[in-house]
Amino acid sequence: MQKLISKKNGVERWLHHDGETVAIETRQSLDAMFDITRRLRNEFQGYKDKGDNHFHRYAVIPPMVIDKWRNDHGIDVFDPEHADRVKKLLNDPDWRYLRTTEGTI
């Protein structure tokens, strides 16, 4: 049996039950987010202001990817001790669609 149990902000949660096991699956289409990151990356004109009090958006990491990295790689994007591992993933060509800038972090 497969049943939609919630849908909020484009995230769907599905219940799977085969009589013996139960699983919850989370689904989210990231196409719109990828369009935004691609547009931001294409519009990027470098870091014009490198002052100490300015921030630049390097990437957008959706909750689904945060969960995947935690489950598959043991990386918590919110843990400062994992910052180097997050940077490594963001610089990996397999995750380039999350980037909003060119170059490396």
PDB file of N, CA and C in Angstrom:
ATOM      1  N   MET A   1       0.841  -1.173   0.000  1.00  0.00           N
ATOM      2  CA  MET A   1       0.000   0.000   0.000  1.00  0.00           C
ATOM      3  C   MET A   1       0.887   1.237   0.000  1.00  0.00           C
ATOM      4  N   GLN A   2       0.494   2.225  -0.765  1.00  0.00           N
ATOM      5  CA  GLN A   2       1.173   3.517  -0.807  1.00  0.00           C
ATOM      6  C   GLN A   2       0.130   4.603  -0.608  1.00  0.00           C
ATOM      7  N   LYS A   3       0.402   5.516   0.335  1.00  0.00           N
ATOM      8  CA  LYS A   3      -0.581   6.550   0.642  1.00  0.00           C
ATOM      9  C   LYS A   3       0.135   7.871   0.918  1.00  0.00           C
ATOM     10  N   LEU A   4      -0.352   8.941   0.293  1.00  0.00           N
ATOM     11  CA  LEU A   4       0.161  10.285   0.552  1.00  0.00           C
ATOM     12  C   LEU A   4      -0.328  10.710   1.929  1.00  0.00           C
ATOM     13  N   ILE A   5       0.613  11.044   2.830  1.00  0.00           N
ATOM     14  CA  ILE A   5       0.197  11.415   4.186  1.00  0.00           C
ATOM     15  C   ILE A   5       0.337  12.910   4.460  1.00  0.00           C
ATOM     16  N   SER A   6       1.166  13.612   3.672  1.00  0.00           N
ATOM     17  CA  SER A   6       1.224  15.064   3.819  1.00  0.00           C
ATOM     18  C   SER A   6       1.843  15.687   2.575  1.00  0.00           C
ATOM     19  N   LYS A   7       1.444  16.934   2.341  1.00  0.00           N
ATOM     20  CA  LYS A   7       2.004  17.710   1.236  1.00  0.00           C
ATOM     21  C   LYS A   7       2.043  19.162   1.692  1.00  0.00           C
ATOM     22  N   LYS A   8       3.267  19.693   1.816  1.00  0.00           N
ATOM     23  CA  LYS A   8       3.423  21.058   2.296  1.00  0.00           C
ATOM     24  C   LYS A   8       4.665  21.667   1.651  1.00  0.00           C
ATOM     25  N   ASN A   9       4.516  22.867   1.112  1.00  0.00           N
ATOM     26  CA  ASN A   9       5.622  23.600   0.498  1.00  0.00           C
ATOM     27  C   ASN A   9       6.354  22.771  -0.563  1.00  0.00           C
ATOM     28  N   GLY A  10       5.604  21.995  -1.313  1.00  0.00           N
ATOM     29  CA  GLY A  10       6.193  21.203  -2.382  1.00  0.00           C
ATOM     30  C   GLY A  10       6.854  19.912  -1.937  1.00  0.00           C
ATOM     31  N   VAL A  11       6.771  19.608  -0.642  1.00  0.00           N
ATOM     32  CA  VAL A  11       7.355  18.373  -0.106  1.00  0.00           C
ATOM     33  C   VAL A  11       6.219  17.394   0.183  1.00  0.00           C
ATOM     34  N   GLU A  12       6.339  16.210  -0.387  1.00  0.00           N
ATOM     35  CA  GLU A  12       5.340  15.164  -0.171  1.00  0.00           C
ATOM     36  C   GLU A  12       5.935  14.070   0.707  1.00  0.00           C
ATOM     37  N   ARG A  13       5.120  13.570   1.628  1.00  0.00           N
ATOM     38  CA  ARG A  13       5.525  12.431   2.454  1.00  0.00           C
ATOM     39  C   ARG A  13       4.541  11.289   2.161  1.00  0.00           C
ATOM     40  N   TRP A  14       5.105  10.144   1.824  1.00  0.00           N
ATOM     41  CA  TRP A  14       4.318   8.975   1.456  1.00  0.00           C
ATOM     42  C   TRP A  14       4.559   7.846   2.448  1.00  0.00           C
ATOM     43  N   LEU A  15       3.475   7.157   2.784  1.00  0.00           N
ATOM     44  CA  LEU A  15       3.539   5.981   3.642  1.00  0.00           C
ATOM     45  C   LEU A  15       3.525   4.746   2.750  1.00  0.00           C
ATOM     46  N   HIS A  16       4.475   3.860   2.970  1.00  0.00           N
ATOM     47  CA  HIS A  16       4.532   2.581   2.256  1.00  0.00           C
ATOM     48  C   HIS A  16       4.379   1.471   3.295  1.00  0.00           C
ATOM     49  N   HIS A  17       3.453   0.565   3.025  1.00  0.00           N
ATOM     50  CA  HIS A  17       3.217  -0.547   3.943  1.00  0.00           C
ATOM     51  C   HIS A  17       2.912  -1.782   3.112  1.00  0.00           C
ATOM     52  N   ASP A  18       3.721  -2.827   3.303  1.00  0.00           N
ATOM     53  CA  ASP A  18       3.514  -4.048   2.530  1.00  0.00           C
ATOM     54  C   ASP A  18       2.968  -5.191   3.373  1.00  0.00           C
ATOM     55  N   GLY A  19       2.472  -4.878   4.555  1.00  0.00           N
ATOM     56  CA  GLY A  19       1.946  -5.906   5.436  1.00  0.00           C
ATOM     57  C   GLY A  19       2.932  -6.296   6.528  1.00  0.00           C
ATOM     58  N   GLU A  20       4.225  -6.142   6.243  1.00  0.00           N
ATOM     59  CA  GLU A  20       5.253  -6.472   7.233  1.00  0.00           C
ATOM     60  C   GLU A  20       6.087  -5.252   7.626  1.00  0.00           C
ATOM     61  N   THR A  21       6.446  -4.448   6.647  1.00  0.00           N
ATOM     62  CA  THR A  21       7.291  -3.291   6.938  1.00  0.00           C
ATOM     63  C   THR A  21       6.567  -1.997   6.596  1.00  0.00           C
ATOM     64  N   VAL A  22       6.966  -0.966   7.304  1.00  0.00           N
ATOM     65  CA  VAL A  22       6.419   0.369   7.076  1.00  0.00           C
ATOM     66  C   VAL A  22       7.594   1.297   6.772  1.00  0.00           C
ATOM     67  N   ALA A  23       7.421   2.146   5.773  1.00  0.00           N
ATOM     68  CA  ALA A  23       8.462   3.115   5.425  1.00  0.00           C
ATOM     69  C   ALA A  23       7.808   4.444   5.080  1.00  0.00           C
ATOM     70  N   ILE A  24       8.502   5.516   5.401  1.00  0.00           N
ATOM     71  CA  ILE A  24       8.066   6.856   5.031  1.00  0.00           C
ATOM     72  C   ILE A  24       9.036   7.357   3.964  1.00  0.00           C
ATOM     73  N   GLU A  25       8.498   7.805   2.850  1.00  0.00           N
ATOM     74  CA  GLU A  25       9.300   8.344   1.762  1.00  0.00           C
ATOM     75  C   GLU A  25       8.989   9.826   1.631  1.00  0.00           C
ATOM     76  N   THR A  26      10.028  10.632   1.438  1.00  0.00           N
ATOM     77  CA  THR A  26       9.872  12.060   1.232  1.00  0.00           C
ATOM     78  C   THR A  26      10.257  12.379  -0.205  1.00  0.00           C
ATOM     79  N   ARG A  27       9.402  13.134  -0.891  1.00  0.00           N
ATOM     80  CA  ARG A  27       9.653  13.514  -2.284  1.00  0.00           C
ATOM     81  C   ARG A  27       9.524  15.026  -2.423  1.00  0.00           C
ATOM     82  N   GLN A  28      10.373  15.584  -3.274  1.00  0.00           N
ATOM     83  CA  GLN A  28      10.291  17.012  -3.558  1.00  0.00           C
ATOM     84  C   GLN A  28      10.901  17.257  -4.933  1.00  0.00           C
ATOM     85  N   SER A  29      10.199  17.988  -5.775  1.00  0.00           N
ATOM     86  CA  SER A  29      10.755  18.381  -7.060  1.00  0.00           C
ATOM     87  C   SER A  29      11.635  19.608  -6.840  1.00  0.00           C
ATOM     88  N   LEU A  30      12.870  19.509  -7.278  1.00  0.00           N
ATOM     89  CA  LEU A  30      13.813  20.601  -7.084  1.00  0.00           C
ATOM     90  C   LEU A  30      14.062  21.382  -8.365  1.00  0.00           C
ATOM     91  N   ASP A  31      13.292  21.107  -9.409  1.00  0.00           N
ATOM     92  CA  ASP A  31      13.501  21.765 -10.700  1.00  0.00           C
ATOM     93  C   ASP A  31      13.430  23.287 -10.602  1.00  0.00           C
ATOM     94  N   ALA A  32      12.452  23.821  -9.894  1.00  0.00           N
ATOM     95  CA  ALA A  32      12.309  25.280  -9.779  1.00  0.00           C
ATOM     96  C   ALA A  32      13.509  25.878  -9.048  1.00  0.00           C
ATOM     97  N   MET A  33      13.970  25.201  -7.996  1.00  0.00           N
ATOM     98  CA  MET A  33      15.126  25.682  -7.259  1.00  0.00           C
ATOM     99  C   MET A  33      16.376  25.648  -8.133  1.00  0.00           C
ATOM    100  N   PHE A  34      16.533  24.611  -8.947  1.00  0.00           N
ATOM    101  CA  PHE A  34      17.688  24.519  -9.833  1.00  0.00           C
ATOM    102  C   PHE A  34      17.653  25.621 -10.881  1.00  0.00           C
ATOM    103  N   ASP A  35      16.469  25.996 -11.343  1.00  0.00           N
ATOM    104  CA  ASP A  35      16.345  27.109 -12.287  1.00  0.00           C
ATOM    105  C   ASP A  35      16.827  28.416 -11.645  1.00  0.00           C
ATOM    106  N   ILE A  36      16.493  28.600 -10.380  1.00  0.00           N
ATOM    107  CA  ILE A  36      16.911  29.812  -9.661  1.00  0.00           C
ATOM    108  C   ILE A  36      18.424  29.830  -9.473  1.00  0.00           C
ATOM    109  N   THR A  37      19.007  28.713  -9.033  1.00  0.00           N
ATOM    110  CA  THR A  37      20.462  28.699  -8.831  1.00  0.00           C
ATOM    111  C   THR A  37      21.196  28.881 -10.159  1.00  0.00           C
ATOM    112  N   ARG A  38      20.677  28.305 -11.234  1.00  0.00           N
ATOM    113  CA  ARG A  38      21.299  28.465 -12.559  1.00  0.00           C
ATOM    114  C   ARG A  38      21.242  29.940 -12.988  1.00  0.00           C
ATOM    115  N   ARG A  39      20.098  30.594 -12.769  1.00  0.00           N
ATOM    116  CA  ARG A  39      19.968  32.009 -13.124  1.00  0.00           C
ATOM    117  C   ARG A  39      20.934  32.856 -12.309  1.00  0.00           C
ATOM    118  N   LEU A  40      21.014  32.609 -11.004  1.00  0.00           N
ATOM    119  CA  LEU A  40      21.937  33.366 -10.152  1.00  0.00           C
ATOM    120  C   LEU A  40      23.390  33.141 -10.575  1.00  0.00           C
ATOM    121  N   ARG A  41      23.720  31.901 -10.911  1.00  0.00           N
ATOM    122  CA  ARG A  41      25.080  31.590 -11.356  1.00  0.00           C
ATOM    123  C   ARG A  41      25.400  32.310 -12.672  1.00  0.00           C
ATOM    124  N   ASN A  42      24.441  32.342 -13.586  1.00  0.00           N
ATOM    125  CA  ASN A  42      24.655  33.000 -14.870  1.00  0.00           C
ATOM    126  C   ASN A  42      24.755  34.519 -14.731  1.00  0.00           C
ATOM    127  N   GLU A  43      24.083  35.084 -13.719  1.00  0.00           N
ATOM    128  CA  GLU A  43      24.117  36.527 -13.493  1.00  0.00           C
ATOM    129  C   GLU A  43      25.296  36.964 -12.625  1.00  0.00           C
ATOM    130  N   PHE A  44      25.998  36.012 -12.051  1.00  0.00           N
ATOM    131  CA  PHE A  44      27.100  36.313 -11.135  1.00  0.00           C
ATOM    132  C   PHE A  44      28.184  37.124 -11.850  1.00  0.00           C
ATOM    133  N   GLN A  45      28.600  38.233 -11.242  1.00  0.00           N
ATOM    134  CA  GLN A  45      29.606  39.099 -11.849  1.00  0.00           C
ATOM    135  C   GLN A  45      30.836  39.246 -10.959  1.00  0.00           C
ATOM    136  N   GLY A  46      31.087  38.311 -10.124  1.00  0.00           N
ATOM    137  CA  GLY A  46      32.252  38.361  -9.241  1.00  0.00           C
ATOM    138  C   GLY A  46      31.929  39.062  -7.933  1.00  0.00           C
ATOM    139  N   TYR A  47      32.903  39.077  -7.072  1.00  0.00           N
ATOM    140  CA  TYR A  47      32.746  39.689  -5.752  1.00  0.00           C
ATOM    141  C   TYR A  47      33.247  41.114  -5.811  1.00  0.00           C
ATOM    142  N   LYS A  48      32.321  42.039  -5.984  1.00  0.00           N
ATOM    143  CA  LYS A  48      32.696  43.448  -6.149  1.00  0.00           C
ATOM    144  C   LYS A  48      33.090  44.095  -4.832  1.00  0.00           C
ATOM    145  N   ASP A  49      32.428  43.699  -3.758  1.00  0.00           N
ATOM    146  CA  ASP A  49      32.686  44.301  -2.451  1.00  0.00           C
ATOM    147  C   ASP A  49      33.195  43.199  -1.535  1.00  0.00           C
ATOM    148  N   LYS A  50      34.444  43.270  -1.174  1.00  0.00           N
ATOM    149  CA  LYS A  50      35.038  42.229  -0.330  1.00  0.00           C
ATOM    150  C   LYS A  50      35.226  42.704   1.103  1.00  0.00           C
ATOM    151  N   GLY A  51      34.406  43.645   1.534  1.00  0.00           N
ATOM    152  CA  GLY A  51      34.496  44.152   2.891  1.00  0.00           C
ATOM    153  C   GLY A  51      34.178  43.082   3.922  1.00  0.00           C
ATOM    154  N   ASP A  52      34.552  43.348   5.168  1.00  0.00           N
ATOM    155  CA  ASP A  52      34.359  42.379   6.244  1.00  0.00           C
ATOM    156  C   ASP A  52      32.899  42.151   6.614  1.00  0.00           C
ATOM    157  N   ASN A  53      32.030  43.101   6.319  1.00  0.00           N
ATOM    158  CA  ASN A  53      30.648  43.008   6.773  1.00  0.00           C
ATOM    159  C   ASN A  53      29.681  42.586   5.670  1.00  0.00           C
ATOM    160  N   HIS A  54      30.169  41.953   4.634  1.00  0.00           N
ATOM    161  CA  HIS A  54      29.306  41.567   3.530  1.00  0.00           C
ATOM    162  C   HIS A  54      29.308  40.056   3.350  1.00  0.00           C
ATOM    163  N   PHE A  55      28.178  39.547   2.961  1.00  0.00           N
ATOM    164  CA  PHE A  55      28.025  38.115   2.750  1.00  0.00           C
ATOM    165  C   PHE A  55      27.675  37.865   1.294  1.00  0.00           C
ATOM    166  N   HIS A  56      28.063  36.716   0.806  1.00  0.00           N
ATOM    167  CA  HIS A  56      27.752  36.322  -0.558  1.00  0.00           C
ATOM    168  C   HIS A  56      27.095  34.945  -0.520  1.00  0.00           C
ATOM    169  N   ARG A  57      26.105  34.751  -1.360  1.00  0.00           N
ATOM    170  CA  ARG A  57      25.435  33.456  -1.436  1.00  0.00           C
ATOM    171  C   ARG A  57      26.243  32.576  -2.389  1.00  0.00           C
ATOM    172  N   TYR A  58      26.755  31.490  -1.866  1.00  0.00           N
ATOM    173  CA  TYR A  58      27.540  30.560  -2.676  1.00  0.00           C
ATOM    174  C   TYR A  58      26.693  29.426  -3.221  1.00  0.00           C
ATOM    175  N   ALA A  59      25.646  29.066  -2.471  1.00  0.00           N
ATOM    176  CA  ALA A  59      24.850  27.912  -2.866  1.00  0.00           C
ATOM    177  C   ALA A  59      23.506  27.957  -2.154  1.00  0.00           C
ATOM    178  N   VAL A  60      22.589  27.145  -2.661  1.00  0.00           N
ATOM    179  CA  VAL A  60      21.304  26.910  -2.009  1.00  0.00           C
ATOM    180  C   VAL A  60      21.231  25.399  -1.781  1.00  0.00           C
ATOM    181  N   ILE A  61      21.115  25.009  -0.519  1.00  0.00           N
ATOM    182  CA  ILE A  61      21.055  23.581  -0.192  1.00  0.00           C
ATOM    183  C   ILE A  61      19.664  23.290   0.354  1.00  0.00           C
ATOM    184  N   PRO A  62      18.811  22.645  -0.442  1.00  0.00           N
ATOM    185  CA  PRO A  62      17.446  22.371   0.013  1.00  0.00           C
ATOM    186  C   PRO A  62      17.419  21.301   1.107  1.00  0.00           C
ATOM    187  N   PRO A  63      16.350  21.306   1.905  1.00  0.00           N
ATOM    188  CA  PRO A  63      16.239  20.332   3.002  1.00  0.00           C
ATOM    189  C   PRO A  63      16.421  18.877   2.564  1.00  0.00           C
ATOM    190  N   MET A  64      15.960  18.537   1.375  1.00  0.00           N
ATOM    191  CA  MET A  64      16.105  17.150   0.897  1.00  0.00           C
ATOM    192  C   MET A  64      17.579  16.783   0.750  1.00  0.00           C
ATOM    193  N   VAL A  65      18.399  17.711   0.284  1.00  0.00           N
ATOM    194  CA  VAL A  65      19.827  17.458   0.122  1.00  0.00           C
ATOM    195  C   VAL A  65      20.513  17.432   1.487  1.00  0.00           C
ATOM    196  N   ILE A  66      20.100  18.312   2.393  1.00  0.00           N
ATOM    197  CA  ILE A  66      20.637  18.303   3.758  1.00  0.00           C
ATOM    198  C   ILE A  66      20.414  16.930   4.391  1.00  0.00           C
ATOM    199  N   ASP A  67      19.204  16.388   4.245  1.00  0.00           N
ATOM    200  CA  ASP A  67      18.909  15.048   4.776  1.00  0.00           C
ATOM    201  C   ASP A  67      19.753  13.982   4.096  1.00  0.00           C
ATOM    202  N   LYS A  68      19.894  14.075   2.775  1.00  0.00           N
ATOM    203  CA  LYS A  68      20.682  13.081   2.030  1.00  0.00           C
ATOM    204  C   LYS A  68      22.134  13.091   2.481  1.00  0.00           C
ATOM    205  N   TRP A  69      22.718  14.282   2.610  1.00  0.00           N
ATOM    206  CA  TRP A  69      24.110  14.368   3.047  1.00  0.00           C
ATOM    207  C   TRP A  69      24.281  13.807   4.458  1.00  0.00           C
ATOM    208  N   ARG A  70      23.309  14.070   5.324  1.00  0.00           N
ATOM    209  CA  ARG A  70      23.386  13.548   6.692  1.00  0.00           C
ATOM    210  C   ARG A  70      23.305  12.021   6.679  1.00  0.00           C
ATOM    211  N   ASN A  71      22.362  11.484   5.905  1.00  0.00           N
ATOM    212  CA  ASN A  71      22.163  10.030   5.874  1.00  0.00           C
ATOM    213  C   ASN A  71      23.258   9.294   5.110  1.00  0.00           C
ATOM    214  N   ASP A  72      23.676   9.830   3.961  1.00  0.00           N
ATOM    215  CA  ASP A  72      24.640   9.130   3.103  1.00  0.00           C
ATOM    216  C   ASP A  72      26.094   9.400   3.460  1.00  0.00           C
ATOM    217  N   HIS A  73      26.395  10.603   3.944  1.00  0.00           N
ATOM    218  CA  HIS A  73      27.788  10.995   4.180  1.00  0.00           C
ATOM    219  C   HIS A  73      28.093  11.329   5.641  1.00  0.00           C
ATOM    220  N   GLY A  74      27.072  11.366   6.496  1.00  0.00           N
ATOM    221  CA  GLY A  74      27.294  11.723   7.897  1.00  0.00           C
ATOM    222  C   GLY A  74      27.673  13.180   8.076  1.00  0.00           C
ATOM    223  N   ILE A  75      27.253  14.024   7.127  1.00  0.00           N
ATOM    224  CA  ILE A  75      27.602  15.443   7.172  1.00  0.00           C
ATOM    225  C   ILE A  75      26.402  16.260   7.622  1.00  0.00           C
ATOM    226  N   ASP A  76      26.610  17.075   8.648  1.00  0.00           N
ATOM    227  CA  ASP A  76      25.582  17.981   9.146  1.00  0.00           C
ATOM    228  C   ASP A  76      25.961  19.396   8.705  1.00  0.00           C
ATOM    229  N   VAL A  77      25.222  19.961   7.774  1.00  0.00           N
ATOM    230  CA  VAL A  77      25.567  21.282   7.235  1.00  0.00           C
ATOM    231  C   VAL A  77      25.501  22.380   8.298  1.00  0.00           C
ATOM    232  N   PHE A  78      24.846  22.121   9.416  1.00  0.00           N
ATOM    233  CA  PHE A  78      24.717  23.114  10.479  1.00  0.00           C
ATOM    234  C   PHE A  78      25.818  22.997  11.536  1.00  0.00           C
ATOM    235  N   ASP A  79      26.671  21.991  11.409  1.00  0.00           N
ATOM    236  CA  ASP A  79      27.758  21.779  12.358  1.00  0.00           C
ATOM    237  C   ASP A  79      29.022  22.463  11.824  1.00  0.00           C
ATOM    238  N   PRO A  80      29.532  23.485  12.512  1.00  0.00           N
ATOM    239  CA  PRO A  80      30.729  24.184  12.036  1.00  0.00           C
ATOM    240  C   PRO A  80      31.927  23.255  11.825  1.00  0.00           C
ATOM    241  N   GLU A  81      31.986  22.161  12.566  1.00  0.00           N
ATOM    242  CA  GLU A  81      33.091  21.218  12.402  1.00  0.00           C
ATOM    243  C   GLU A  81      33.008  20.454  11.078  1.00  0.00           C
ATOM    244  N   HIS A  82      31.870  20.503  10.403  1.00  0.00           N
ATOM    245  CA  HIS A  82      31.694  19.833   9.119  1.00  0.00           C
ATOM    246  C   HIS A  82      31.847  20.788   7.938  1.00  0.00           C
ATOM    247  N   ALA A  83      32.218  22.041   8.202  1.00  0.00           N
ATOM    248  CA  ALA A  83      32.277  23.061   7.146  1.00  0.00           C
ATOM    249  C   ALA A  83      33.180  22.653   5.987  1.00  0.00           C
ATOM    250  N   ASP A  84      34.338  22.069   6.274  1.00  0.00           N
ATOM    251  CA  ASP A  84      35.247  21.664   5.197  1.00  0.00           C
ATOM    252  C   ASP A  84      34.636  20.560   4.341  1.00  0.00           C
ATOM    253  N   ARG A  85      33.898  19.655   4.959  1.00  0.00           N
ATOM    254  CA  ARG A  85      33.254  18.568   4.212  1.00  0.00           C
ATOM    255  C   ARG A  85      32.103  19.101   3.365  1.00  0.00           C
ATOM    256  N   VAL A  86      31.381  20.106   3.878  1.00  0.00           N
ATOM    257  CA  VAL A  86      30.311  20.743   3.098  1.00  0.00           C
ATOM    258  C   VAL A  86      30.913  21.449   1.899  1.00  0.00           C
ATOM    259  N   LYS A  87      31.995  22.193   2.102  1.00  0.00           N
ATOM    260  CA  LYS A  87      32.665  22.881   1.003  1.00  0.00           C
ATOM    261  C   LYS A  87      33.120  21.884  -0.061  1.00  0.00           C
ATOM    262  N   LYS A  88      33.661  20.761   0.385  1.00  0.00           N
ATOM    263  CA  LYS A  88      34.128  19.743  -0.564  1.00  0.00           C
ATOM    264  C   LYS A  88      32.973  19.242  -1.426  1.00  0.00           C
ATOM    265  N   LEU A  89      31.822  18.984  -0.811  1.00  0.00           N
ATOM    266  CA  LEU A  89      30.660  18.544  -1.586  1.00  0.00           C
ATOM    267  C   LEU A  89      30.181  19.638  -2.534  1.00  0.00           C
ATOM    268  N   LEU A  90      30.138  20.870  -2.071  1.00  0.00           N
ATOM    269  CA  LEU A  90      29.682  21.966  -2.927  1.00  0.00           C
ATOM    270  C   LEU A  90      30.632  22.217  -4.090  1.00  0.00           C
ATOM    271  N   ASN A  91      31.905  21.913  -3.916  1.00  0.00           N
ATOM    272  CA  ASN A  91      32.878  22.070  -4.997  1.00  0.00           C
ATOM    273  C   ASN A  91      32.907  20.861  -5.930  1.00  0.00           C
ATOM    274  N   ASP A  92      32.258  19.779  -5.530  1.00  0.00           N
ATOM    275  CA  ASP A  92      32.202  18.568  -6.354  1.00  0.00           C
ATOM    276  C   ASP A  92      31.301  18.815  -7.566  1.00  0.00           C
ATOM    277  N   PRO A  93      31.742  18.467  -8.766  1.00  0.00           N
ATOM    278  CA  PRO A  93      30.916  18.677  -9.968  1.00  0.00           C
ATOM    279  C   PRO A  93      29.539  18.007  -9.891  1.00  0.00           C
ATOM    280  N   ASP A  94      29.416  16.931  -9.122  1.00  0.00           N
ATOM    281  CA  ASP A  94      28.118  16.262  -9.004  1.00  0.00           C
ATOM    282  C   ASP A  94      27.069  17.130  -8.312  1.00  0.00           C
ATOM    283  N   TRP A  95      27.509  18.115  -7.537  1.00  0.00           N
ATOM    284  CA  TRP A  95      26.584  18.988  -6.800  1.00  0.00           C
ATOM    285  C   TRP A  95      26.607  20.414  -7.327  1.00  0.00           C
ATOM    286  N   ARG A  96      27.135  20.660  -8.526  1.00  0.00           N
ATOM    287  CA  ARG A  96      27.283  22.003  -9.085  1.00  0.00           C
ATOM    288  C   ARG A  96      25.957  22.739  -9.228  1.00  0.00           C
ATOM    289  N   TYR A  97      24.871  22.011  -9.391  1.00  0.00           N
ATOM    290  CA  TYR A  97      23.566  22.666  -9.570  1.00  0.00           C
ATOM    291  C   TYR A  97      23.082  23.378  -8.315  1.00  0.00           C
ATOM    292  N   LEU A  98      23.737  23.147  -7.179  1.00  0.00           N
ATOM    293  CA  LEU A  98      23.390  23.869  -5.948  1.00  0.00           C
ATOM    294  C   LEU A  98      24.089  25.223  -5.885  1.00  0.00           C
ATOM    295  N   ARG A  99      25.154  25.379  -6.655  1.00  0.00           N
ATOM    296  CA  ARG A  99      25.994  26.577  -6.599  1.00  0.00           C
ATOM    297  C   ARG A  99      25.331  27.778  -7.267  1.00  0.00           C
ATOM    298  N   THR A 100      25.534  28.943  -6.682  1.00  0.00           N
ATOM    299  CA  THR A 100      25.019  30.188  -7.253  1.00  0.00           C
ATOM    300  C   THR A 100      26.168  31.072  -7.750  1.00  0.00           C
ATOM    301  N   THR A 101      27.404  30.555  -7.645  1.00  0.00           N
ATOM    302  CA  THR A 101      28.596  31.286  -8.077  1.00  0.00           C
ATOM    303  C   THR A 101      29.491  30.359  -8.890  1.00  0.00           C
ATOM    304  N   GLU A 102      30.410  30.968  -9.599  1.00  0.00           N
ATOM    305  CA  GLU A 102      31.436  30.202 -10.313  1.00  0.00           C
ATOM    306  C   GLU A 102      32.648  30.045  -9.409  1.00  0.00           C
ATOM    307  N   GLY A 103      33.587  29.253  -9.826  1.00  0.00           N
ATOM    308  CA  GLY A 103      34.803  29.060  -9.046  1.00  0.00           C
ATOM    309  C   GLY A 103      34.592  28.062  -7.930  1.00  0.00           C
ATOM    310  N   THR A 104      35.480  28.092  -6.952  1.00  0.00           N
ATOM    311  CA  THR A 104      35.391  27.190  -5.815  1.00  0.00           C
ATOM    312  C   THR A 104      35.196  27.991  -4.546  1.00  0.00           C
ATOM    313  N   ILE A 105      34.707  27.305  -3.564  1.00  0.00           N
ATOM    314  CA  ILE A 105      34.477  27.938  -2.264  1.00  0.00           C
ATOM    315  C   ILE A 105      35.740  27.778  -1.429  1.00  0.00           C
TER     316      ILE A 105
END
